[in-house]
């Protein structure tokens, strides 16, 4: 599925998403682990922030100045209603021009919706968008080889893709980051991986 198709699907379920996830603790423990590696009180970006803004709240509570980014205009409209003083961007991460650098970037269950050919550009963008020693936390499918699948929820179809564990780690190193923590956090059978990486100086290429 194209990013535009995914954004349109999320537009249609944005209100439901906000209600369903506004008080969810899913992913918060992992985000706090990432924050423990980051510089206190820095600038943060939540990629695929959705309409609930729950990660934004956690990051703010931890002293970050936070911005949200999502490809779904309706998700962003609802996020702005919840956080009228926040900065939000409607954009697709693999082609977005960063307005500056960030001390922490989170991409929790968001970039895995991108088609396979956009996975590497998205990861490159996020690594390049980190300040020196900045922290990236992102999720992906814990598979051995790159691949794509389709699924659905709330009556909407969604695509999922992953470069796999080995290539993700290779690309992080190529883009000037080092893996600090990698975990199959839902068990190996679920193949859901989150990775915490840190920017070391300038990207290698």
C-alpha atoms as a PDB file:
ATOM      1  CA  UNK A   1       0.000   0.000   0.000  1.00  0.00           C
ATOM      2  CA  UNK A   2       1.145   3.525  -0.740  1.00  0.00           C
ATOM      3  CA  UNK A   3       1.644   6.039   2.089  1.00  0.00           C
ATOM      4  CA  UNK A   4      -1.344   7.977   0.720  1.00  0.00           C
ATOM      5  CA  UNK A   5      -3.590   4.895   0.981  1.00  0.00           C
ATOM      6  CA  UNK A   6      -2.409   4.222   4.528  1.00  0.00           C
ATOM      7  CA  UNK A   7      -3.007   7.847   5.515  1.00  0.00           C
ATOM      8  CA  UNK A   8      -6.526   7.728   4.071  1.00  0.00           C
ATOM      9  CA  UNK A   9      -7.303   4.550   6.020  1.00  0.00           C
ATOM     10  CA  UNK A  10      -6.113   6.169   9.241  1.00  0.00           C
ATOM     11  CA  UNK A  11      -8.165   9.275   8.442  1.00  0.00           C
ATOM     12  CA  UNK A  12     -11.273   7.083   8.536  1.00  0.00           C
ATOM     13  CA  UNK A  13     -10.482   5.590  11.957  1.00  0.00           C
ATOM     14  CA  UNK A  14      -8.812   8.618  13.557  1.00  0.00           C
ATOM     15  CA  UNK A  15     -11.622   9.330  16.045  1.00  0.00           C
ATOM     16  CA  UNK A  16     -11.794   5.679  17.124  1.00  0.00           C
ATOM     17  CA  UNK A  17      -8.004   5.571  17.425  1.00  0.00           C
ATOM     18  CA  UNK A  18      -7.923   8.575  19.721  1.00  0.00           C
ATOM     19  CA  UNK A  19     -10.538   7.132  22.049  1.00  0.00           C
ATOM     20  CA  UNK A  20      -9.026   3.653  22.058  1.00  0.00           C
ATOM     21  CA  UNK A  21      -5.428   4.704  22.697  1.00  0.00           C
ATOM     22  CA  UNK A  22      -5.646   7.872  24.794  1.00  0.00           C
ATOM     23  CA  UNK A  23      -4.984   5.993  28.049  1.00  0.00           C
ATOM     24  CA  UNK A  24      -3.104   3.001  26.671  1.00  0.00           C
ATOM     25  CA  UNK A  25       0.200   2.055  28.272  1.00  0.00           C
ATOM     26  CA  UNK A  26       1.269   0.049  25.226  1.00  0.00           C
ATOM     27  CA  UNK A  27       4.860   0.910  24.350  1.00  0.00           C
ATOM     28  CA  UNK A  28       5.311   3.332  27.254  1.00  0.00           C
ATOM     29  CA  UNK A  29       7.729   1.092  29.167  1.00  0.00           C
ATOM     30  CA  UNK A  30       9.864   0.788  26.047  1.00  0.00           C
ATOM     31  CA  UNK A  31       9.734   4.550  25.430  1.00  0.00           C
ATOM     32  CA  UNK A  32      10.888   5.203  28.981  1.00  0.00           C
ATOM     33  CA  UNK A  33      13.794   2.841  28.406  1.00  0.00           C
ATOM     34  CA  UNK A  34      14.767   4.890  25.345  1.00  0.00           C
ATOM     35  CA  UNK A  35      14.439   8.125  27.313  1.00  0.00           C
ATOM     36  CA  UNK A  36      16.903   6.761  29.879  1.00  0.00           C
ATOM     37  CA  UNK A  37      19.587   6.858  27.154  1.00  0.00           C
ATOM     38  CA  UNK A  38      18.728  10.391  26.007  1.00  0.00           C
ATOM     39  CA  UNK A  39      19.837  13.844  27.038  1.00  0.00           C
ATOM     40  CA  UNK A  40      17.410  15.258  29.588  1.00  0.00           C
ATOM     41  CA  UNK A  41      15.141  18.096  28.498  1.00  0.00           C
ATOM     42  CA  UNK A  42      15.929  17.949  24.815  1.00  0.00           C
ATOM     43  CA  UNK A  43      13.854  18.186  21.655  1.00  0.00           C
ATOM     44  CA  UNK A  44      11.780  15.154  20.621  1.00  0.00           C
ATOM     45  CA  UNK A  45       9.780  14.041  17.587  1.00  0.00           C
ATOM     46  CA  UNK A  46       7.044  11.395  17.635  1.00  0.00           C
ATOM     47  CA  UNK A  47       6.742   9.868  14.135  1.00  0.00           C
ATOM     48  CA  UNK A  48       3.259   8.501  13.531  1.00  0.00           C
ATOM     49  CA  UNK A  49       1.970  10.300  16.605  1.00  0.00           C
ATOM     50  CA  UNK A  50      -1.664   9.451  15.862  1.00  0.00           C
ATOM     51  CA  UNK A  51      -4.644  11.267  17.286  1.00  0.00           C
ATOM     52  CA  UNK A  52      -4.219  10.374  20.965  1.00  0.00           C
ATOM     53  CA  UNK A  53      -0.830  11.991  21.557  1.00  0.00           C
ATOM     54  CA  UNK A  54      -0.066   9.553  24.377  1.00  0.00           C
ATOM     55  CA  UNK A  55       3.683   9.400  23.645  1.00  0.00           C
ATOM     56  CA  UNK A  56       3.697  13.177  23.450  1.00  0.00           C
ATOM     57  CA  UNK A  57       2.359  13.340  27.004  1.00  0.00           C
ATOM     58  CA  UNK A  58       5.015  10.936  28.283  1.00  0.00           C
ATOM     59  CA  UNK A  59       7.813  12.856  26.574  1.00  0.00           C
ATOM     60  CA  UNK A  60       6.547  16.163  27.926  1.00  0.00           C
ATOM     61  CA  UNK A  61       6.398  14.739  31.422  1.00  0.00           C
ATOM     62  CA  UNK A  62      10.034  13.752  31.009  1.00  0.00           C
ATOM     63  CA  UNK A  63      11.003  17.331  30.153  1.00  0.00           C
ATOM     64  CA  UNK A  64      11.145  17.191  26.358  1.00  0.00           C
ATOM     65  CA  UNK A  65       9.879  19.793  23.922  1.00  0.00           C
ATOM     66  CA  UNK A  66       7.858  17.549  21.621  1.00  0.00           C
ATOM     67  CA  UNK A  67       6.619  17.684  18.033  1.00  0.00           C
ATOM     68  CA  UNK A  68       4.294  15.203  16.373  1.00  0.00           C
ATOM     69  CA  UNK A  69       4.337  13.977  12.780  1.00  0.00           C
ATOM     70  CA  UNK A  70       1.768  11.848  10.963  1.00  0.00           C
ATOM     71  CA  UNK A  71       0.806  11.247   7.338  1.00  0.00           C
ATOM     72  CA  UNK A  72      -2.904  11.320   8.261  1.00  0.00           C
ATOM     73  CA  UNK A  73      -4.342  14.870   8.262  1.00  0.00           C
ATOM     74  CA  UNK A  74      -7.281  13.757  10.406  1.00  0.00           C
ATOM     75  CA  UNK A  75      -4.965  12.208  12.996  1.00  0.00           C
ATOM     76  CA  UNK A  76      -3.042  15.474  13.202  1.00  0.00           C
ATOM     77  CA  UNK A  77      -6.227  17.566  13.415  1.00  0.00           C
ATOM     78  CA  UNK A  78      -7.398  15.571  16.431  1.00  0.00           C
ATOM     79  CA  UNK A  79      -3.934  15.615  18.006  1.00  0.00           C
ATOM     80  CA  UNK A  80      -3.927  19.413  17.733  1.00  0.00           C
ATOM     81  CA  UNK A  81      -7.283  19.531  19.524  1.00  0.00           C
ATOM     82  CA  UNK A  82      -5.806  17.532  22.396  1.00  0.00           C
ATOM     83  CA  UNK A  83      -2.580  19.556  22.451  1.00  0.00           C
ATOM     84  CA  UNK A  84      -3.408  23.047  21.134  1.00  0.00           C
ATOM     85  CA  UNK A  85      -0.007  24.359  22.215  1.00  0.00           C
ATOM     86  CA  UNK A  86       1.889  21.630  20.369  1.00  0.00           C
ATOM     87  CA  UNK A  87       3.752  21.628  17.054  1.00  0.00           C
ATOM     88  CA  UNK A  88       2.457  19.081  14.538  1.00  0.00           C
ATOM     89  CA  UNK A  89       3.362  18.187  10.973  1.00  0.00           C
ATOM     90  CA  UNK A  90       1.370  16.376   8.281  1.00  0.00           C
ATOM     91  CA  UNK A  91       4.049  14.522   6.351  1.00  0.00           C
ATOM     92  CA  UNK A  92       5.436  11.164   5.330  1.00  0.00           C
ATOM     93  CA  UNK A  93       8.727  10.553   7.107  1.00  0.00           C
ATOM     94  CA  UNK A  94      10.754   9.103   4.230  1.00  0.00           C
ATOM     95  CA  UNK A  95      10.546  12.373   2.261  1.00  0.00           C
ATOM     96  CA  UNK A  96      10.069  14.938   5.050  1.00  0.00           C
ATOM     97  CA  UNK A  97      12.517  17.812   5.354  1.00  0.00           C
ATOM     98  CA  UNK A  98      13.457  18.045   9.014  1.00  0.00           C
ATOM     99  CA  UNK A  99      13.198  21.590  10.429  1.00  0.00           C
ATOM    100  CA  UNK A 100      16.089  20.866  12.791  1.00  0.00           C
ATOM    101  CA  UNK A 101      17.676  18.068  14.764  1.00  0.00           C
ATOM    102  CA  UNK A 102      16.142  16.092  17.612  1.00  0.00           C
ATOM    103  CA  UNK A 103      17.561  14.573  20.773  1.00  0.00           C
ATOM    104  CA  UNK A 104      14.998  11.761  20.648  1.00  0.00           C
ATOM    105  CA  UNK A 105      12.898  10.374  17.817  1.00  0.00           C
ATOM    106  CA  UNK A 106      10.224   7.756  18.435  1.00  0.00           C
ATOM    107  CA  UNK A 107       8.583   5.765  15.644  1.00  0.00           C
ATOM    108  CA  UNK A 108       6.411   3.247  17.463  1.00  0.00           C
ATOM    109  CA  UNK A 109       4.362   0.971  15.178  1.00  0.00           C
ATOM    110  CA  UNK A 110       4.305   3.608  12.446  1.00  0.00           C
ATOM    111  CA  UNK A 111       7.077   3.260   9.864  1.00  0.00           C
ATOM    112  CA  UNK A 112       6.334  -0.452   9.481  1.00  0.00           C
ATOM    113  CA  UNK A 113       3.334   0.627   7.370  1.00  0.00           C
ATOM    114  CA  UNK A 114       5.649   2.049   4.698  1.00  0.00           C
ATOM    115  CA  UNK A 115       6.213  -0.054   1.575  1.00  0.00           C
ATOM    116  CA  UNK A 116       9.463  -1.960   1.489  1.00  0.00           C
ATOM    117  CA  UNK A 117      11.201   0.448  -0.883  1.00  0.00           C
ATOM    118  CA  UNK A 118      10.650   3.335   1.551  1.00  0.00           C
ATOM    119  CA  UNK A 119      11.979   1.563   4.645  1.00  0.00           C
ATOM    120  CA  UNK A 120      15.619   2.454   4.041  1.00  0.00           C
ATOM    121  CA  UNK A 121      14.902   6.126   3.145  1.00  0.00           C
ATOM    122  CA  UNK A 122      12.755   6.481   6.284  1.00  0.00           C
ATOM    123  CA  UNK A 123      15.437   5.020   8.528  1.00  0.00           C
ATOM    124  CA  UNK A 124      18.067   7.228   6.905  1.00  0.00           C
ATOM    125  CA  UNK A 125      15.920  10.330   7.451  1.00  0.00           C
ATOM    126  CA  UNK A 126      15.388   9.546  11.115  1.00  0.00           C
ATOM    127  CA  UNK A 127      19.080   8.868  11.726  1.00  0.00           C
ATOM    128  CA  UNK A 128      20.059  12.051   9.901  1.00  0.00           C
ATOM    129  CA  UNK A 129      17.469  13.967  11.950  1.00  0.00           C
ATOM    130  CA  UNK A 130      19.126  13.058  15.239  1.00  0.00           C
ATOM    131  CA  UNK A 131      21.403  15.457  17.064  1.00  0.00           C
ATOM    132  CA  UNK A 132      24.810  14.048  18.077  1.00  0.00           C
ATOM    133  CA  UNK A 133      24.227  11.397  20.764  1.00  0.00           C
ATOM    134  CA  UNK A 134      20.498  11.562  19.982  1.00  0.00           C
ATOM    135  CA  UNK A 135      18.304   8.504  20.537  1.00  0.00           C
ATOM    136  CA  UNK A 136      16.026   6.712  18.081  1.00  0.00           C
ATOM    137  CA  UNK A 137      13.433   4.148  19.147  1.00  0.00           C
ATOM    138  CA  UNK A 138      11.615   2.375  16.335  1.00  0.00           C
ATOM    139  CA  UNK A 139       9.713  -0.846  15.807  1.00  0.00           C
ATOM    140  CA  UNK A 140       9.803  -3.296  12.929  1.00  0.00           C
ATOM    141  CA  UNK A 141       9.040  -6.879  12.056  1.00  0.00           C
ATOM    142  CA  UNK A 142      11.593  -9.296  13.466  1.00  0.00           C
ATOM    143  CA  UNK A 143      12.035 -11.360  10.322  1.00  0.00           C
ATOM    144  CA  UNK A 144      15.193 -12.787   8.810  1.00  0.00           C
ATOM    145  CA  UNK A 145      14.705 -11.417   5.301  1.00  0.00           C
ATOM    146  CA  UNK A 146      12.971  -8.307   3.924  1.00  0.00           C
ATOM    147  CA  UNK A 147       9.294  -8.805   3.156  1.00  0.00           C
ATOM    148  CA  UNK A 148       5.784  -7.380   3.068  1.00  0.00           C
ATOM    149  CA  UNK A 149       2.404  -8.581   4.320  1.00  0.00           C
ATOM    150  CA  UNK A 150      -1.136  -7.173   4.487  1.00  0.00           C
ATOM    151  CA  UNK A 151      -3.619  -7.135   7.328  1.00  0.00           C
ATOM    152  CA  UNK A 152      -6.682  -5.285   8.562  1.00  0.00           C
ATOM    153  CA  UNK A 153      -8.336  -3.804  11.605  1.00  0.00           C
ATOM    154  CA  UNK A 154     -11.453  -1.698  12.156  1.00  0.00           C
ATOM    155  CA  UNK A 155     -12.509  -2.707   8.666  1.00  0.00           C
ATOM    156  CA  UNK A 156      -9.521  -1.038   7.011  1.00  0.00           C
ATOM    157  CA  UNK A 157      -6.730  -2.738   5.083  1.00  0.00           C
ATOM    158  CA  UNK A 158      -3.117  -1.975   5.992  1.00  0.00           C
ATOM    159  CA  UNK A 159       0.237  -2.987   4.606  1.00  0.00           C
ATOM    160  CA  UNK A 160       3.255  -3.904   6.729  1.00  0.00           C
ATOM    161  CA  UNK A 161       6.857  -4.354   5.682  1.00  0.00           C
ATOM    162  CA  UNK A 162      10.222  -4.978   7.287  1.00  0.00           C
ATOM    163  CA  UNK A 163      13.821  -5.034   6.182  1.00  0.00           C
ATOM    164  CA  UNK A 164      14.479  -7.668   8.834  1.00  0.00           C
ATOM    165  CA  UNK A 165      16.711  -7.562  11.884  1.00  0.00           C
ATOM    166  CA  UNK A 166      20.097  -7.953  10.189  1.00  0.00           C
ATOM    167  CA  UNK A 167      19.577  -5.265   7.548  1.00  0.00           C
ATOM    168  CA  UNK A 168      18.068  -2.844  10.062  1.00  0.00           C
ATOM    169  CA  UNK A 169      21.182  -3.129  12.215  1.00  0.00           C
ATOM    170  CA  UNK A 170      23.476  -2.791   9.200  1.00  0.00           C
ATOM    171  CA  UNK A 171      21.688   0.356   8.065  1.00  0.00           C
ATOM    172  CA  UNK A 172      21.774   1.911  11.517  1.00  0.00           C
ATOM    173  CA  UNK A 173      25.549   1.503  11.524  1.00  0.00           C
ATOM    174  CA  UNK A 174      25.816   2.871   7.976  1.00  0.00           C
ATOM    175  CA  UNK A 175      23.784   5.920   8.977  1.00  0.00           C
ATOM    176  CA  UNK A 176      26.009   6.692  11.955  1.00  0.00           C
ATOM    177  CA  UNK A 177      24.059   5.040  14.774  1.00  0.00           C
ATOM    178  CA  UNK A 178      24.812   2.203  17.156  1.00  0.00           C
ATOM    179  CA  UNK A 179      22.225  -0.188  18.595  1.00  0.00           C
ATOM    180  CA  UNK A 180      21.892   0.158  22.367  1.00  0.00           C
ATOM    181  CA  UNK A 181      19.009  -2.258  22.902  1.00  0.00           C
ATOM    182  CA  UNK A 182      17.024  -4.654  20.715  1.00  0.00           C
ATOM    183  CA  UNK A 183      14.180  -6.801  21.991  1.00  0.00           C
ATOM    184  CA  UNK A 184      11.443  -9.113  20.763  1.00  0.00           C
ATOM    185  CA  UNK A 185       9.142  -7.489  23.297  1.00  0.00           C
ATOM    186  CA  UNK A 186       6.024  -9.529  22.484  1.00  0.00           C
ATOM    187  CA  UNK A 187       7.789 -12.869  22.293  1.00  0.00           C
ATOM    188  CA  UNK A 188       9.671 -14.394  19.343  1.00  0.00           C
ATOM    189  CA  UNK A 189       6.510 -15.855  17.831  1.00  0.00           C
ATOM    190  CA  UNK A 190       4.984 -12.375  17.406  1.00  0.00           C
ATOM    191  CA  UNK A 191       8.101 -11.044  15.632  1.00  0.00           C
ATOM    192  CA  UNK A 192       7.588  -7.535  17.019  1.00  0.00           C
ATOM    193  CA  UNK A 193      10.944  -5.862  17.597  1.00  0.00           C
ATOM    194  CA  UNK A 194      11.823  -2.539  19.086  1.00  0.00           C
ATOM    195  CA  UNK A 195      15.288  -1.075  18.768  1.00  0.00           C
ATOM    196  CA  UNK A 196      16.949   1.779  20.628  1.00  0.00           C
ATOM    197  CA  UNK A 197      19.870   3.332  18.753  1.00  0.00           C
ATOM    198  CA  UNK A 198      22.167   6.281  19.406  1.00  0.00           C
ATOM    199  CA  UNK A 199      23.671   8.721  16.894  1.00  0.00           C
ATOM    200  CA  UNK A 200      27.456   8.726  17.061  1.00  0.00           C
ATOM    201  CA  UNK A 201      28.884  11.796  15.375  1.00  0.00           C
ATOM    202  CA  UNK A 202      28.066  12.279  11.693  1.00  0.00           C
ATOM    203  CA  UNK A 203      26.540   9.610   9.462  1.00  0.00           C
ATOM    204  CA  UNK A 204      29.016   7.465   7.561  1.00  0.00           C
ATOM    205  CA  UNK A 205      27.280   8.105   4.224  1.00  0.00           C
END
